[in-house]
Amino acid sequence: MNKVLVVFNYNAGRKQAVIHKKIIHDFLFKRGYKFKFVSIDEFMSNDFDEFDTIIAVGGDGTVNKVAQMVAFTDKTLAIIPTGTANLLAAKLGIPTNLKKNLKILSKENIKKIDALKINDEQCVLRCGFGYDSDIICKTPQSLKNRFGYLAYFIAGIIFALRLTPKEYEITYNGKTTSIKATCIIIGNASNMYRNIISVANKSELDDGLFDVFILKAINPITFFYEFLRIIFGIRTNNARAKYFKARSLSIKNFWTTCHIDGEKTKLKRDIEVRVIPQAIKVISK
């Protein structure tokens, strides 16, 4: 780590990035790094070839945008999480405590993690349809500002009371199946609410596979029963849910909207998903 670009989202997590700026500046200055600070908007529209390390200071939206730009390059991603959920940071063992975070950063422990390709879109964390998409795309920013990551939990309860099943035609491992589901999650990292729960068994960022979770529960009672099973680590195939891993998968597109890494996305053709092994260099615990 010699030349460092620090990318800020100044609005993330009740503006924690603003509070951290001076401490990060002093940390880099004392170690003699050449560095520059830019906003996330400046980063997305400027060249960053001269830098070997990109530090993303913000929430998952900021981290994912930076990760997508860093993928398939020789650049290294570092994360200082200041957002609502901080899912990738949590999966990598990176704390929200800045002092502990900078200690990890100084060790420069680099690992390579997978990414997903969803049609023409790149994905670092997960893609979600139905219930999962509703939570991510429709939770009001005002609720997130007030309650932090608990806002997603509150929204999850509200949307669980109005589940809407849809028909999906899915092809994987050479087999095609039709299924009625209220939610489909395709995860590179399948942790939610930081690392409190996961919708996958032994989900890893560097195993060359992605996890698929299909929720078939169609009413609040069966949904909350399955949710409790997930919380207690009982993730087995049953009448309410299906779990499996894959390297590629396709879904017949009977609809257009989902979320990819927390961004509302309209997909205009059938959906093709594949894993891209070890696509991103990242500093981890």
Protein backbone atom coordinates (compact mmCIF):
# COMPACT_ATOMS: atom_id res chain seq x y z
CA MET A 1 0.00 0.00 0.00
CA ASN A 2 1.82 3.09 -1.28
CA LYS A 3 -0.61 5.31 -3.16
CA VAL A 4 -4.02 5.44 -1.55
CA LEU A 5 -7.30 6.88 -2.78
CA VAL A 6 -9.87 7.39 -0.01
CA VAL A 7 -13.45 7.40 -1.32
CA PHE A 8 -16.05 8.96 0.99
CA ASN A 9 -19.80 8.84 1.14
CA TYR A 10 -20.33 11.77 3.46
CA ASN A 11 -24.01 10.95 3.99
CA ALA A 12 -23.61 7.34 5.06
CA GLY A 13 -24.49 6.16 8.56
CA ARG A 14 -25.53 9.47 10.09
CA LYS A 15 -22.50 11.13 8.48
CA GLN A 16 -19.93 9.04 10.37
CA ALA A 17 -17.55 9.37 7.42
CA VAL A 18 -17.20 13.09 8.12
CA ILE A 19 -16.29 12.37 11.74
CA HIS A 20 -13.66 9.82 10.67
CA LYS A 21 -11.96 11.97 8.04
CA LYS A 22 -9.31 13.63 10.22
CA ILE A 23 -8.35 10.37 11.95
CA ILE A 24 -7.94 8.62 8.60
CA HIS A 25 -5.90 11.56 7.30
CA ASP A 26 -3.56 11.39 10.29
CA PHE A 27 -3.22 7.62 10.01
CA LEU A 28 -2.14 7.79 6.35
CA PHE A 29 0.07 10.85 6.87
CA LYS A 30 2.04 9.33 9.76
CA ARG A 31 2.82 6.24 7.71
CA GLY A 32 4.12 8.24 4.79
CA TYR A 33 1.53 7.10 2.26
CA LYS A 34 0.70 9.27 -0.72
CA PHE A 35 -3.05 9.74 -0.59
CA LYS A 36 -6.00 11.69 -1.86
CA PHE A 37 -9.59 12.11 -0.65
CA VAL A 38 -12.55 12.14 -3.07
CA SER A 39 -16.32 11.80 -2.78
CA ILE A 40 -18.04 8.71 -4.19
CA ASP A 41 -19.42 10.84 -7.04
CA GLU A 42 -15.93 12.08 -7.96
CA PHE A 43 -14.58 8.52 -7.84
CA MET A 44 -17.21 7.18 -10.24
CA SER A 45 -16.34 9.81 -12.85
CA ASN A 46 -12.53 10.00 -12.54
CA ASP A 47 -9.49 7.93 -13.40
CA PHE A 48 -7.79 6.16 -10.48
CA ASP A 49 -5.02 4.26 -12.28
CA GLU A 50 -2.19 5.83 -10.26
CA PHE A 51 -3.45 4.37 -6.96
CA ASP A 52 -2.75 0.84 -5.72
CA THR A 53 -5.25 0.84 -2.83
CA ILE A 54 -8.78 2.23 -2.74
CA ILE A 55 -10.31 2.77 0.72
CA ALA A 56 -14.11 2.92 0.70
CA VAL A 57 -15.50 4.94 3.62
CA GLY A 58 -19.27 4.47 3.70
CA GLY A 59 -22.02 1.89 3.71
CA ASP A 60 -22.61 -1.13 1.50
CA GLY A 61 -23.71 1.03 -1.43
CA THR A 62 -20.40 2.89 -1.43
CA VAL A 63 -18.35 -0.27 -0.84
CA ASN A 64 -20.09 -2.16 -3.62
CA LYS A 65 -19.62 0.65 -6.15
CA VAL A 66 -15.92 0.83 -5.35
CA ALA A 67 -15.60 -2.97 -5.40
CA GLN A 68 -17.18 -3.15 -8.85
CA MET A 69 -14.65 -0.61 -10.16
CA VAL A 70 -11.71 -2.40 -8.49
CA ALA A 71 -12.71 -5.89 -9.71
CA PHE A 72 -10.46 -7.47 -12.35
CA THR A 73 -7.68 -4.93 -11.70
CA ASP A 74 -4.51 -5.06 -9.62
CA LYS A 75 -6.03 -2.56 -7.14
CA THR A 76 -6.78 -3.55 -3.56
CA LEU A 77 -10.03 -2.63 -1.83
CA ALA A 78 -10.02 -1.60 1.83
CA ILE A 79 -13.19 -0.87 3.80
CA ILE A 80 -13.94 1.55 6.62
CA PRO A 81 -17.63 0.81 7.26
CA THR A 82 -19.84 3.73 8.28
CA GLY A 83 -23.18 2.67 6.84
CA THR A 84 -26.38 1.07 8.03
CA ALA A 85 -25.71 -2.64 7.50
CA ASN A 86 -22.00 -2.94 6.48
CA LEU A 87 -22.52 -6.50 5.23
CA LEU A 88 -19.31 -7.06 3.26
CA ALA A 89 -17.21 -5.59 6.06
CA ALA A 90 -18.93 -7.86 8.60
CA LYS A 91 -18.35 -10.91 6.41
CA LEU A 92 -14.66 -10.03 6.16
CA GLY A 93 -14.37 -9.53 9.93
CA ILE A 94 -13.82 -5.79 9.61
CA PRO A 95 -15.16 -3.87 12.64
CA THR A 96 -17.02 -0.57 12.64
CA ASN A 97 -14.74 0.64 15.45
CA LEU A 98 -12.31 2.92 13.60
CA LYS A 99 -9.30 2.29 15.87
CA LYS A 100 -9.60 -1.50 15.44
CA ASN A 101 -10.27 -1.06 11.74
CA LEU A 102 -7.11 0.94 11.12
CA LYS A 103 -5.10 -1.69 12.99
CA ILE A 104 -6.36 -4.30 10.49
CA LEU A 105 -5.67 -1.92 7.62
CA SER A 106 -2.06 -1.46 8.72
CA LYS A 107 -1.45 -5.24 8.56
CA GLU A 108 -2.48 -5.34 4.87
CA ASN A 109 -3.79 -8.91 5.00
CA ILE A 110 -5.03 -9.35 1.42
CA LYS A 111 -7.40 -12.04 0.18
CA LYS A 112 -9.18 -12.52 -3.11
CA ILE A 113 -12.96 -12.87 -3.13
CA ASP A 114 -15.49 -13.91 -5.75
CA ALA A 115 -17.96 -11.71 -7.57
CA LEU A 116 -21.18 -12.49 -9.43
CA LYS A 117 -22.20 -11.54 -12.93
CA ILE A 118 -25.95 -10.99 -13.33
CA ASN A 119 -26.58 -10.40 -17.01
CA ASP A 120 -24.44 -7.32 -17.65
CA GLU A 121 -24.37 -6.27 -13.98
CA GLN A 122 -21.63 -7.09 -11.51
CA CYS A 123 -22.57 -8.11 -7.98
CA VAL A 124 -20.45 -8.30 -4.83
CA LEU A 125 -22.98 -9.18 -2.11
CA ARG A 126 -26.32 -10.43 -3.35
CA CYS A 127 -29.25 -10.08 -5.71
CA GLY A 128 -32.78 -10.32 -4.40
CA PHE A 129 -36.29 -10.68 -5.81
CA GLY A 130 -39.64 -10.28 -4.11
CA TYR A 131 -39.57 -9.83 -0.34
CA ASP A 132 -35.81 -9.20 -0.18
CA SER A 133 -36.03 -6.57 -2.90
CA ASP A 134 -38.90 -4.84 -1.10
CA ILE A 135 -36.89 -4.52 2.13
CA ILE A 136 -33.79 -3.17 0.41
CA CYS A 137 -35.49 -0.84 -2.07
CA LYS A 138 -38.46 0.40 -0.08
CA THR A 139 -37.09 0.98 3.44
CA PRO A 140 -37.25 4.80 3.83
CA GLN A 141 -33.97 6.65 4.32
CA SER A 142 -35.59 8.52 7.22
CA LEU A 143 -36.14 5.18 8.98
CA LYS A 144 -32.49 4.17 8.40
CA ASN A 145 -31.26 7.52 9.71
CA ARG A 146 -33.32 7.11 12.86
CA PHE A 147 -32.84 3.42 13.68
CA GLY A 148 -29.68 2.42 11.81
CA TYR A 149 -29.56 -1.23 10.67
CA LEU A 150 -32.63 -2.00 12.82
CA ALA A 151 -34.63 -0.13 10.16
CA TYR A 152 -34.28 -3.15 7.86
CA PHE A 153 -35.53 -5.43 10.63
CA ILE A 154 -38.57 -3.19 11.17
CA ALA A 155 -39.26 -3.04 7.43
CA GLY A 156 -38.85 -6.83 7.25
CA ILE A 157 -41.68 -7.32 9.74
CA ILE A 158 -43.93 -4.90 7.87
CA PHE A 159 -43.34 -6.51 4.45
CA ALA A 160 -43.76 -10.00 5.92
CA LEU A 161 -47.36 -9.10 6.64
CA ARG A 162 -48.04 -8.63 2.92
CA LEU A 163 -46.11 -11.36 1.14
CA THR A 164 -46.84 -11.72 -2.57
CA PRO A 165 -45.92 -15.06 -4.21
CA LYS A 166 -44.85 -15.18 -7.86
CA GLU A 167 -44.13 -17.95 -10.33
CA TYR A 168 -40.45 -18.46 -11.19
CA GLU A 169 -38.89 -20.79 -13.76
CA ILE A 170 -35.34 -21.60 -12.66
CA THR A 171 -32.64 -23.62 -14.40
CA TYR A 172 -29.51 -24.89 -12.61
CA ASN A 173 -27.37 -28.04 -12.75
CA GLY A 174 -29.04 -28.88 -16.07
CA LYS A 175 -32.56 -29.03 -14.61
CA THR A 176 -35.47 -26.62 -15.01
CA THR A 177 -38.11 -26.24 -12.31
CA SER A 178 -41.12 -23.98 -11.82
CA ILE A 179 -41.70 -22.71 -8.32
CA LYS A 180 -44.03 -20.30 -6.56
CA ALA A 181 -41.99 -18.13 -4.20
CA THR A 182 -42.24 -14.92 -2.22
CA CYS A 183 -38.49 -14.32 -2.26
CA ILE A 184 -35.36 -15.44 -4.08
CA ILE A 185 -31.90 -14.46 -2.82
CA ILE A 186 -28.75 -15.17 -4.82
CA GLY A 187 -25.81 -14.48 -2.55
CA ASN A 188 -22.06 -14.21 -2.86
CA ALA A 189 -22.27 -13.16 0.80
CA SER A 190 -25.52 -14.34 2.36
CA ASN A 191 -25.27 -12.64 5.75
CA MET A 192 -27.96 -10.17 6.79
CA TYR A 193 -28.38 -7.70 9.63
CA ARG A 194 -24.59 -7.52 9.73
CA ASN A 195 -23.63 -11.08 10.72
CA ILE A 196 -26.64 -11.86 12.88
CA ILE A 197 -28.26 -14.28 10.43
CA SER A 198 -27.45 -15.95 7.13
CA VAL A 199 -29.71 -17.49 4.50
CA ALA A 200 -27.04 -20.01 3.50
CA ASN A 201 -25.08 -22.87 5.01
CA LYS A 202 -21.33 -22.24 5.21
CA SER A 203 -21.40 -19.24 2.90
CA GLU A 204 -17.90 -18.24 1.80
CA LEU A 205 -16.68 -15.33 -0.29
CA ASP A 206 -13.94 -17.30 -2.02
CA ASP A 207 -15.34 -20.80 -2.66
CA GLY A 208 -16.22 -20.34 -6.35
CA LEU A 209 -19.92 -20.85 -5.61
CA PHE A 210 -22.93 -18.71 -4.85
CA ASP A 211 -25.81 -19.52 -2.51
CA VAL A 212 -29.46 -19.57 -3.50
CA PHE A 213 -32.30 -19.21 -1.00
CA ILE A 214 -35.89 -19.60 -2.16
CA LEU A 215 -38.64 -18.67 0.30
CA LYS A 216 -41.91 -20.43 -0.47
CA ALA A 217 -43.82 -19.32 2.64
CA ILE A 218 -46.92 -17.44 1.53
CA ASN A 219 -48.33 -16.10 4.82
CA PRO A 220 -46.88 -14.39 7.90
CA ILE A 221 -47.21 -17.47 10.14
CA THR A 222 -45.20 -19.82 7.93
CA PHE A 223 -42.78 -16.99 7.13
CA PHE A 224 -41.98 -16.26 10.78
CA TYR A 225 -41.61 -19.97 11.51
CA GLU A 226 -39.00 -20.28 8.76
CA PHE A 227 -37.35 -17.04 9.89
CA LEU A 228 -36.92 -18.51 13.39
CA ARG A 229 -35.36 -21.63 11.89
CA ILE A 230 -32.88 -19.45 10.01
CA ILE A 231 -31.99 -17.49 13.16
CA PHE A 232 -31.25 -20.76 15.00
CA GLY A 233 -29.19 -22.11 12.10
CA ILE A 234 -31.74 -24.70 10.96
CA ARG A 235 -31.44 -24.25 7.20
CA THR A 236 -32.82 -27.36 5.51
CA ASN A 237 -35.02 -27.88 2.47
CA ASN A 238 -38.70 -28.12 3.34
CA ALA A 239 -42.15 -27.02 2.16
CA ARG A 240 -41.38 -23.39 3.08
CA ALA A 241 -37.80 -22.94 1.86
CA LYS A 242 -35.12 -24.28 -0.44
CA TYR A 243 -31.34 -23.90 -0.12
CA PHE A 244 -28.62 -24.83 -2.61
CA LYS A 245 -25.29 -23.74 -4.10
CA ALA A 246 -24.42 -23.24 -7.77
CA ARG A 247 -21.86 -21.84 -10.18
CA SER A 248 -24.45 -20.71 -12.70
CA LEU A 249 -28.21 -20.29 -12.80
CA SER A 250 -30.88 -18.80 -15.05
CA ILE A 251 -34.34 -17.44 -14.26
CA LYS A 252 -37.10 -16.87 -16.80
CA ASN A 253 -37.85 -13.16 -16.59
CA PHE A 254 -41.57 -12.75 -15.94
CA TRP A 255 -40.92 -9.43 -14.20
CA THR A 256 -38.32 -6.66 -14.39
CA THR A 257 -37.35 -5.37 -10.94
CA CYS A 258 -34.95 -6.68 -8.31
CA HIS A 259 -32.05 -5.31 -6.29
CA ILE A 260 -28.40 -5.94 -7.06
CA ASP A 261 -26.14 -5.03 -4.16
CA GLY A 262 -28.87 -2.82 -2.75
CA GLU A 263 -29.50 -0.93 -5.98
CA LYS A 264 -32.96 -1.16 -7.55
CA THR A 265 -32.42 -2.71 -10.95
CA LYS A 266 -34.69 -3.39 -13.94
CA LEU A 267 -33.72 -6.48 -15.91
CA LYS A 268 -35.13 -6.54 -19.42
CA ARG A 269 -34.33 -10.10 -20.45
CA ASP A 270 -33.99 -13.57 -18.91
CA ILE A 271 -31.64 -13.55 -15.97
CA GLU A 272 -28.28 -15.33 -16.18
CA VAL A 273 -26.13 -15.59 -13.05
CA ARG A 274 -22.58 -16.91 -12.86
CA VAL A 275 -19.78 -16.75 -10.33
CA ILE A 276 -16.45 -15.12 -11.18
CA PRO A 277 -13.86 -16.64 -8.83
CA GLN A 278 -11.31 -14.45 -7.00
CA ALA A 279 -12.30 -11.30 -8.86
CA ILE A 280 -11.52 -8.72 -6.15
CA LYS A 281 -8.48 -8.14 -3.94
CA VAL A 282 -9.55 -6.93 -0.52
CA ILE A 283 -7.97 -6.28 2.87
CA SER A 284 -9.57 -8.50 5.52
CA LYS A 285 -9.06 -9.41 9.16
